[in-house]
Amino acid sequence: MPKKTTIDELARMTAEQFTKVDVRLDSMEAKFEARFDKMDETLNKMNTTLKTVLDVVLEIPSKKAFERLETKVDRMDVELAAVQRKVK
């Protein structure tokens, strides 16, 4: 006749299985934390890089700014030529 499992044995077996599951979950949690830390580090680097790119782009004058500057230089050339003609 097979041996019957007592309540205490069943409780011990259940506790052991929960302990094994807990150990496995802790292991998985540590792996996920490492991955998330690495992803967080990568995202921080990307954020820093994007900020640097944005800072550089914002410092580049626009096409309109170049056109205004060119217009101003052309006007100053005309005024300078007029002044030079008066001086001669």
Protein backbone atom coordinates (compact mmCIF):
# COMPACT_ATOMS: atom_id res chain seq x y z
CA MET A 1 0.00 0.00 0.00
CA PRO A 2 1.41 3.43 -0.94
CA LYS A 3 2.43 5.77 1.82
CA LYS A 4 0.01 8.63 2.38
CA THR A 5 1.34 12.18 2.39
CA THR A 6 0.71 14.04 5.59
CA ILE A 7 -0.31 17.68 5.82
CA ASP A 8 3.13 18.55 7.23
CA GLU A 9 4.91 16.83 4.34
CA LEU A 10 2.64 18.53 1.84
CA ALA A 11 3.29 21.91 3.49
CA ARG A 12 7.07 21.28 3.45
CA MET A 13 7.00 20.26 -0.24
CA THR A 14 4.93 23.32 -1.11
CA ALA A 15 7.29 25.60 0.82
CA GLU A 16 10.29 24.05 -0.98
CA GLN A 17 8.69 24.63 -4.37
CA PHE A 18 7.86 28.23 -3.50
CA THR A 19 11.47 28.71 -2.39
CA LYS A 20 12.73 27.32 -5.72
CA VAL A 21 10.37 29.62 -7.63
CA ASP A 22 11.50 32.56 -5.49
CA VAL A 23 15.16 31.80 -6.26
CA ARG A 24 14.41 31.61 -9.98
CA LEU A 25 12.46 34.87 -9.89
CA ASP A 26 15.30 36.59 -8.01
CA SER A 27 17.73 35.38 -10.68
CA MET A 28 15.48 36.66 -13.46
CA GLU A 29 14.99 39.97 -11.65
CA ALA A 30 18.75 40.47 -11.40
CA LYS A 31 19.14 39.77 -15.13
CA PHE A 32 16.33 42.17 -16.02
CA GLU A 33 17.74 44.87 -13.74
CA ALA A 34 21.10 44.54 -15.49
CA ARG A 35 19.41 44.80 -18.88
CA PHE A 36 17.31 47.78 -17.83
CA ASP A 37 20.37 49.50 -16.38
CA LYS A 38 22.18 48.98 -19.68
CA MET A 39 19.16 50.25 -21.64
CA ASP A 40 18.91 53.26 -19.32
CA GLU A 41 22.61 53.99 -19.84
CA THR A 42 22.18 53.70 -23.61
CA LEU A 43 19.16 56.01 -23.59
CA ASN A 44 21.06 58.56 -21.50
CA LYS A 45 23.93 58.48 -24.01
CA MET A 46 21.46 58.91 -26.87
CA ASN A 47 19.81 61.82 -25.06
CA THR A 48 23.19 63.49 -24.54
CA THR A 49 24.12 62.93 -28.19
CA LEU A 50 20.81 64.32 -29.41
CA LYS A 51 21.23 67.37 -27.19
CA THR A 52 24.70 67.94 -28.65
CA VAL A 53 23.37 67.59 -32.20
CA LEU A 54 20.51 69.96 -31.43
CA ASP A 55 22.94 72.51 -29.95
CA VAL A 56 25.07 72.33 -33.10
CA VAL A 57 22.07 72.59 -35.42
CA LEU A 58 20.70 75.57 -33.55
CA GLU A 59 24.02 77.37 -33.95
CA ILE A 60 23.96 76.98 -37.75
CA PRO A 61 22.47 80.11 -39.28
CA SER A 62 19.38 79.60 -41.38
CA LYS A 63 19.19 80.19 -45.13
CA LYS A 64 17.13 83.32 -44.50
CA ALA A 65 19.82 84.63 -42.15
CA PHE A 66 22.41 84.13 -44.89
CA GLU A 67 20.16 85.88 -47.40
CA ARG A 68 19.66 88.85 -45.05
CA LEU A 69 23.40 89.01 -44.45
CA GLU A 70 24.08 88.85 -48.18
CA THR A 71 21.58 91.65 -48.80
CA LYS A 72 23.19 93.75 -46.10
CA VAL A 73 26.68 93.15 -47.55
CA ASP A 74 25.45 94.03 -51.05
CA ARG A 75 23.93 97.26 -49.73
CA MET A 76 27.15 98.12 -47.89
CA ASP A 77 29.13 97.45 -51.10
CA VAL A 78 26.92 99.92 -52.96
CA GLU A 79 27.32 102.52 -50.19
CA LEU A 80 31.09 101.98 -50.11
CA ALA A 81 31.32 102.36 -53.88
CA ALA A 82 29.35 105.62 -53.62
CA VAL A 83 31.65 106.91 -50.86
CA GLN A 84 34.72 105.93 -52.87
CA ARG A 85 33.38 107.81 -55.93
CA LYS A 86 32.83 110.93 -53.78
CA VAL A 87 36.35 110.67 -52.34
CA LYS A 88 37.96 110.47 -55.80
